[in-house]
Amino acid sequence: MQGTSQGTEVAKSTGVNLQRIILWIGVVLIVIFCLAPVLWQVLTSFKVNNAISAVPNIYIPSPNQLTFEHYQSLGTGFWRYLFNSAFVSFTSTLVCLILGAPAAYTLARLRLPGEQIILACILIISLFPYVLLFLGLLEIVKAVGLGNNYLALIIPYTAINLPFTILILRSFFQQLPKDLEDSAQVDGYNTIQMLLQIVLPMALPALVTTGILTFIFAWNEFIFALTFITREEMKTIPVAVAQLGGNSAFEIPYGPIAAATVAGTLPLVLLVLIFQRRIVQGITAGAVKG
């Protein structure tokens, strides 16, 4: 006890806060642990091939070991893959929000017969592994003739993400004060007008947060995009990156793969950075009720 008190007195006398130092060391270590793979991928995308395959590994390349050739090797077709992913993801996200917001508001405010059964079904569907739906969806796509069509991805993505969207928005709608809606009803607003003019503007942070999570899922999905789309010009980013090949069957193009991964992830990073304030508001909304 005497040694501990002496150490505390020494720390106070020198003006050093040991707890704060330990806290910052922990934060730095966690940041390094999380960002190290990302940094390694970025560096690999700029390294020349000799630096990538060097033994021992070159962690910090010199200027003469950096190149833009891996990004240039992706070609103009890579922009088509970006467009495909963006179009499919944005469309499915928009449809999820258009269908999910009214459904969530209905479950949050209106008393429906069998409401608990409906919520239980939505929860079960949201927890069901979507990979198990693969074979059934494949037969449906073949029977309907949706192969090599954007709808073959938009419809499954919407169906998978819609229960999640409903649950998140319903939870947020329940935290909104009901007094505004009661006042709007007195002023003659109907349910649709209240939803469009009062509730949705207040729920903008939750809409942005849910939309971004839905968008990220659709952007990163691989199995459906690999199977339902076979035309080269309609492939999405995950499929295009996975099918990058070298000059021979025994060559793995680490540089182009890293460049394609960075280029395919950058739109998501920019999206999160642009809407980071809305995301934080949406996550923390409803944490304190009343």
Protein backbone atom coordinates (compact mmCIF):
# COMPACT_ATOMS: atom_id res chain seq x y z
CA MET A 1 0.00 0.00 0.00
CA GLN A 2 2.85 2.30 0.81
CA GLY A 3 4.51 1.61 -2.57
CA THR A 4 1.26 2.28 -4.42
CA SER A 5 0.69 5.54 -2.60
CA GLN A 6 4.27 6.58 -3.30
CA GLY A 7 3.83 5.78 -7.03
CA THR A 8 0.65 7.83 -7.09
CA GLU A 9 2.37 10.72 -5.37
CA VAL A 10 5.27 10.54 -7.85
CA ALA A 11 2.83 10.53 -10.78
CA LYS A 12 1.03 13.55 -9.33
CA SER A 13 4.27 15.36 -8.68
CA THR A 14 5.50 14.82 -12.24
CA GLY A 15 2.12 15.75 -13.73
CA VAL A 16 1.76 12.35 -15.48
CA ASN A 17 -1.65 10.68 -15.52
CA LEU A 18 -0.89 6.94 -15.75
CA GLN A 19 -4.49 5.97 -16.38
CA ARG A 20 -4.70 8.38 -19.30
CA ILE A 21 -1.45 7.06 -20.77
CA ILE A 22 -2.65 3.46 -20.50
CA LEU A 23 -5.96 4.44 -22.07
CA TRP A 24 -4.28 6.07 -25.07
CA ILE A 25 -1.89 3.14 -25.49
CA GLY A 26 -4.90 0.81 -25.58
CA VAL A 27 -6.69 3.04 -28.12
CA VAL A 28 -3.61 3.17 -30.38
CA LEU A 29 -3.16 -0.61 -30.24
CA ILE A 30 -6.82 -1.21 -31.10
CA VAL A 31 -6.66 1.25 -34.01
CA ILE A 32 -3.49 -0.41 -35.34
CA PHE A 33 -5.07 -3.85 -34.99
CA CYS A 34 -8.17 -2.76 -36.92
CA LEU A 35 -6.49 -0.67 -39.61
CA ALA A 36 -3.36 -2.76 -40.23
CA PRO A 37 -5.04 -5.09 -42.78
CA VAL A 38 -6.54 -2.10 -44.59
CA LEU A 39 -3.19 -0.31 -44.69
CA TRP A 40 -1.48 -3.46 -45.93
CA GLN A 41 -4.03 -3.82 -48.73
CA VAL A 42 -3.58 -0.20 -49.76
CA LEU A 43 0.22 -0.51 -49.78
CA THR A 44 -0.02 -3.74 -51.79
CA SER A 45 -2.11 -1.99 -54.41
CA PHE A 46 0.74 0.50 -54.98
CA LYS A 47 3.74 -1.86 -54.72
CA VAL A 48 5.55 -3.18 -57.76
CA ASN A 49 5.37 -6.95 -58.23
CA ASN A 50 8.94 -7.50 -57.01
CA ALA A 51 8.16 -5.69 -53.75
CA ILE A 52 4.95 -7.70 -53.27
CA SER A 53 6.71 -11.05 -53.64
CA ALA A 54 9.89 -10.05 -51.79
CA VAL A 55 11.10 -12.19 -48.88
CA PRO A 56 11.22 -10.93 -46.19
CA ASN A 57 8.17 -8.73 -46.60
CA ILE A 58 8.64 -5.08 -47.44
CA TYR A 59 6.30 -3.28 -45.06
CA ILE A 60 7.23 0.28 -46.03
CA PRO A 61 8.16 0.46 -49.73
CA SER A 62 10.59 3.02 -51.06
CA PRO A 63 9.47 5.54 -53.72
CA ASN A 64 11.00 3.47 -56.55
CA GLN A 65 8.92 0.48 -55.40
CA LEU A 66 5.58 2.27 -55.87
CA THR A 67 3.50 2.24 -59.03
CA PHE A 68 0.00 2.99 -60.36
CA GLU A 69 0.11 0.14 -62.86
CA HIS A 70 -2.20 -2.09 -60.83
CA TYR A 71 -4.97 0.50 -60.95
CA GLN A 72 -4.35 1.13 -64.64
CA SER A 73 -4.55 -2.60 -65.34
CA LEU A 74 -8.15 -2.67 -64.12
CA GLY A 75 -9.17 -0.90 -67.33
CA THR A 76 -12.29 1.05 -68.13
CA GLY A 77 -14.48 -2.02 -67.65
CA PHE A 78 -14.01 -1.71 -63.91
CA TRP A 79 -16.14 1.45 -63.95
CA ARG A 80 -18.95 -0.68 -65.42
CA TYR A 81 -18.70 -3.04 -62.45
CA LEU A 82 -18.88 -0.06 -60.10
CA PHE A 83 -22.00 1.16 -61.87
CA ASN A 84 -23.62 -2.27 -61.66
CA SER A 85 -23.00 -2.53 -57.91
CA ALA A 86 -24.12 1.05 -57.30
CA PHE A 87 -27.31 0.67 -59.35
CA VAL A 88 -28.36 -2.63 -57.78
CA SER A 89 -27.49 -1.51 -54.24
CA PHE A 90 -29.14 1.91 -54.51
CA THR A 91 -32.32 0.53 -56.10
CA SER A 92 -32.77 -2.26 -53.55
CA THR A 93 -32.07 0.18 -50.70
CA LEU A 94 -34.59 2.68 -52.03
CA VAL A 95 -37.27 0.01 -52.41
CA CYS A 96 -36.56 -1.27 -48.88
CA LEU A 97 -37.05 2.20 -47.42
CA ILE A 98 -40.17 2.92 -49.49
CA LEU A 99 -41.82 -0.34 -48.41
CA GLY A 100 -40.28 -0.61 -44.97
CA ALA A 101 -41.11 2.85 -43.60
CA PRO A 102 -44.92 2.58 -43.94
CA ALA A 103 -44.85 -1.03 -42.67
CA ALA A 104 -42.73 -0.05 -39.67
CA TYR A 105 -44.96 2.93 -38.87
CA THR A 106 -48.06 0.76 -39.10
CA LEU A 107 -46.61 -1.79 -36.68
CA ALA A 108 -45.40 0.94 -34.33
CA ARG A 109 -48.57 3.06 -34.11
CA LEU A 110 -51.59 1.08 -35.28
CA ARG A 111 -53.08 -1.83 -33.39
CA LEU A 112 -53.35 -4.70 -35.85
CA PRO A 113 -54.92 -8.10 -35.21
CA GLY A 114 -52.13 -10.66 -34.90
CA GLU A 115 -49.47 -7.97 -34.53
CA GLN A 116 -47.22 -10.16 -32.37
CA ILE A 117 -47.42 -12.99 -34.90
CA ILE A 118 -46.45 -10.58 -37.68
CA LEU A 119 -43.47 -9.31 -35.67
CA ALA A 120 -42.41 -12.85 -34.85
CA CYS A 121 -42.50 -13.81 -38.53
CA ILE A 122 -40.47 -10.72 -39.48
CA LEU A 123 -37.91 -11.51 -36.79
CA ILE A 124 -37.60 -15.14 -37.89
CA ILE A 125 -37.14 -14.11 -41.51
CA SER A 126 -34.48 -11.55 -40.58
CA LEU A 127 -32.56 -14.20 -38.62
CA PHE A 128 -32.88 -16.89 -41.31
CA PRO A 129 -29.57 -17.53 -43.16
CA TYR A 130 -30.18 -16.18 -46.63
CA VAL A 131 -27.66 -18.61 -48.11
CA LEU A 132 -30.15 -21.42 -47.48
CA LEU A 133 -32.55 -19.68 -49.87
CA PHE A 134 -30.04 -19.91 -52.69
CA LEU A 135 -31.26 -23.08 -54.43
CA GLY A 136 -34.92 -22.08 -54.21
CA LEU A 137 -34.21 -18.61 -55.59
CA LEU A 138 -32.11 -20.13 -58.37
CA GLU A 139 -35.05 -22.28 -59.50
CA ILE A 140 -37.36 -19.27 -59.39
CA VAL A 141 -34.94 -17.14 -61.41
CA LYS A 142 -34.63 -19.90 -64.01
CA ALA A 143 -38.39 -20.44 -64.18
CA VAL A 144 -39.23 -16.75 -64.49
CA GLY A 145 -36.34 -16.02 -66.86
CA LEU A 146 -34.70 -13.31 -64.76
CA GLY A 147 -31.15 -14.54 -65.31
CA ASN A 148 -28.70 -11.83 -66.41
CA ASN A 149 -31.14 -9.17 -65.29
CA TYR A 150 -30.69 -6.56 -62.59
CA LEU A 151 -34.03 -7.64 -61.12
CA ALA A 152 -32.49 -11.02 -60.32
CA LEU A 153 -30.41 -9.21 -57.69
CA ILE A 154 -32.67 -6.30 -56.74
CA ILE A 155 -35.63 -8.49 -55.76
CA PRO A 156 -33.68 -10.92 -53.50
CA TYR A 157 -31.71 -8.11 -51.88
CA THR A 158 -34.92 -6.24 -51.15
CA ALA A 159 -36.61 -9.34 -49.75
CA ILE A 160 -33.65 -10.13 -47.50
CA ASN A 161 -33.16 -6.60 -46.17
CA LEU A 162 -36.82 -5.61 -45.82
CA PRO A 163 -37.43 -7.40 -42.46
CA PHE A 164 -34.29 -5.81 -41.03
CA THR A 165 -35.43 -2.40 -42.27
CA ILE A 166 -38.89 -2.81 -40.73
CA LEU A 167 -37.53 -3.85 -37.34
CA ILE A 168 -35.04 -0.96 -37.12
CA LEU A 169 -37.49 1.72 -38.23
CA ARG A 170 -40.28 0.37 -36.02
CA SER A 171 -38.00 0.61 -32.99
CA PHE A 172 -37.21 4.22 -33.90
CA PHE A 173 -40.84 5.20 -34.57
CA GLN A 174 -41.81 3.89 -31.14
CA GLN A 175 -39.42 6.37 -29.52
CA LEU A 176 -40.93 9.40 -31.27
CA PRO A 177 -43.29 11.56 -29.16
CA LYS A 178 -46.90 10.80 -30.06
CA ASP A 179 -48.09 14.29 -29.10
CA LEU A 180 -47.13 15.71 -32.50
CA GLU A 181 -49.18 13.08 -34.28
CA ASP A 182 -52.14 13.71 -32.00
CA SER A 183 -51.92 17.43 -32.75
CA ALA A 184 -51.70 16.67 -36.48
CA GLN A 185 -54.83 14.53 -36.27
CA VAL A 186 -56.64 17.44 -34.63
CA ASP A 187 -55.51 19.64 -37.55
CA GLY A 188 -57.02 17.17 -40.02
CA TYR A 189 -53.96 15.17 -41.10
CA ASN A 190 -54.61 11.59 -42.13
CA THR A 191 -52.16 8.72 -41.52
CA ILE A 192 -50.34 9.08 -44.83
CA GLN A 193 -49.92 12.84 -44.41
CA MET A 194 -48.58 12.38 -40.88
CA LEU A 195 -46.08 9.80 -42.12
CA LEU A 196 -44.83 11.88 -45.04
CA GLN A 197 -44.88 15.37 -43.53
CA ILE A 198 -44.17 14.79 -39.83
CA VAL A 199 -42.78 11.35 -39.00
CA LEU A 200 -40.32 10.75 -41.86
CA PRO A 201 -38.55 14.14 -41.52
CA MET A 202 -38.04 13.38 -37.83
CA ALA A 203 -36.85 9.86 -38.68
CA LEU A 204 -34.23 11.01 -41.20
CA PRO A 205 -31.22 9.82 -39.11
CA ALA A 206 -32.77 6.35 -38.75
CA LEU A 207 -33.57 6.24 -42.47
CA VAL A 208 -29.99 7.15 -43.36
CA THR A 209 -28.52 4.59 -40.95
CA THR A 210 -30.80 1.79 -42.12
CA GLY A 211 -30.29 2.71 -45.75
CA ILE A 212 -26.51 2.64 -45.47
CA LEU A 213 -26.52 -0.75 -43.74
CA THR A 214 -28.81 -2.10 -46.45
CA PHE A 215 -26.65 -0.55 -49.15
CA ILE A 216 -23.48 -2.13 -47.73
CA PHE A 217 -25.07 -5.58 -47.66
CA ALA A 218 -26.20 -5.31 -51.28
CA TRP A 219 -22.81 -3.92 -52.36
CA ASN A 220 -20.84 -6.76 -50.74
CA GLU A 221 -23.16 -9.68 -51.58
CA PHE A 222 -21.38 -12.34 -53.64
CA ILE A 223 -23.23 -15.66 -54.01
CA PHE A 224 -26.38 -14.38 -55.72
CA ALA A 225 -24.40 -12.00 -57.92
CA LEU A 226 -22.06 -14.82 -58.98
CA THR A 227 -24.86 -17.22 -59.89
CA PHE A 228 -27.69 -15.09 -61.25
CA ILE A 229 -25.47 -12.87 -63.43
CA THR A 230 -23.14 -14.45 -66.00
CA ARG A 231 -22.79 -11.66 -68.56
CA GLU A 232 -19.45 -9.93 -68.17
CA GLU A 233 -20.82 -6.41 -68.53
CA MET A 234 -23.39 -6.96 -65.76
CA LYS A 235 -21.13 -8.34 -63.03
CA THR A 236 -20.82 -6.55 -59.70
CA ILE A 237 -17.66 -5.55 -57.84
CA PRO A 238 -17.29 -8.64 -55.57
CA VAL A 239 -17.63 -11.00 -58.53
CA ALA A 240 -15.27 -8.98 -60.72
CA VAL A 241 -12.61 -8.90 -58.00
CA ALA A 242 -12.92 -12.64 -57.33
CA GLN A 243 -12.50 -13.47 -61.01
CA LEU A 244 -9.37 -11.42 -61.60
CA GLY A 245 -6.68 -13.71 -62.98
CA GLY A 246 -3.03 -13.57 -63.90
CA ASN A 247 -1.23 -14.38 -67.12
CA SER A 248 -1.23 -18.09 -66.23
CA ALA A 249 -3.18 -20.48 -64.04
CA PHE A 250 -0.35 -20.47 -61.50
CA GLU A 251 -0.09 -16.69 -61.13
CA ILE A 252 -2.08 -14.80 -58.52
CA PRO A 253 -2.30 -11.07 -59.39
CA TYR A 254 -2.00 -9.71 -55.86
CA GLY A 255 -1.45 -6.15 -57.05
CA PRO A 256 -4.55 -5.86 -59.29
CA ILE A 257 -6.66 -7.70 -56.69
CA ALA A 258 -5.57 -5.26 -53.99
CA ALA A 259 -6.20 -2.30 -56.32
CA ALA A 260 -9.67 -3.59 -57.21
CA THR A 261 -10.46 -4.17 -53.54
CA VAL A 262 -9.42 -0.65 -52.58
CA ALA A 263 -11.30 0.90 -55.50
CA GLY A 264 -14.40 -1.17 -54.70
CA THR A 265 -14.34 -0.26 -51.00
CA LEU A 266 -13.66 3.45 -51.46
CA PRO A 267 -17.29 4.35 -52.36
CA LEU A 268 -18.50 2.75 -49.12
CA VAL A 269 -15.88 4.63 -47.11
CA LEU A 270 -16.88 7.94 -48.71
CA LEU A 271 -20.56 7.16 -48.12
CA VAL A 272 -19.99 6.54 -44.42
CA LEU A 273 -17.80 9.63 -44.05
CA ILE A 274 -20.39 11.85 -45.74
CA PHE A 275 -23.27 10.60 -43.58
CA GLN A 276 -21.32 9.86 -40.41
CA ARG A 277 -23.21 12.47 -38.37
CA ARG A 278 -26.57 11.08 -39.48
CA ILE A 279 -25.37 7.55 -38.73
CA VAL A 280 -24.38 8.47 -35.19
CA GLN A 281 -27.72 10.22 -34.66
CA GLY A 282 -29.58 7.20 -35.97
CA ILE A 283 -27.67 4.76 -33.78
CA THR A 284 -28.06 6.83 -30.61
CA ALA A 285 -31.65 7.88 -31.28
CA GLY A 286 -34.00 6.31 -28.79
CA ALA A 287 -31.20 5.45 -26.36
CA VAL A 288 -32.80 7.82 -23.87
CA LYS A 289 -36.57 7.67 -23.88
CA GLY A 290 -38.72 10.55 -22.86
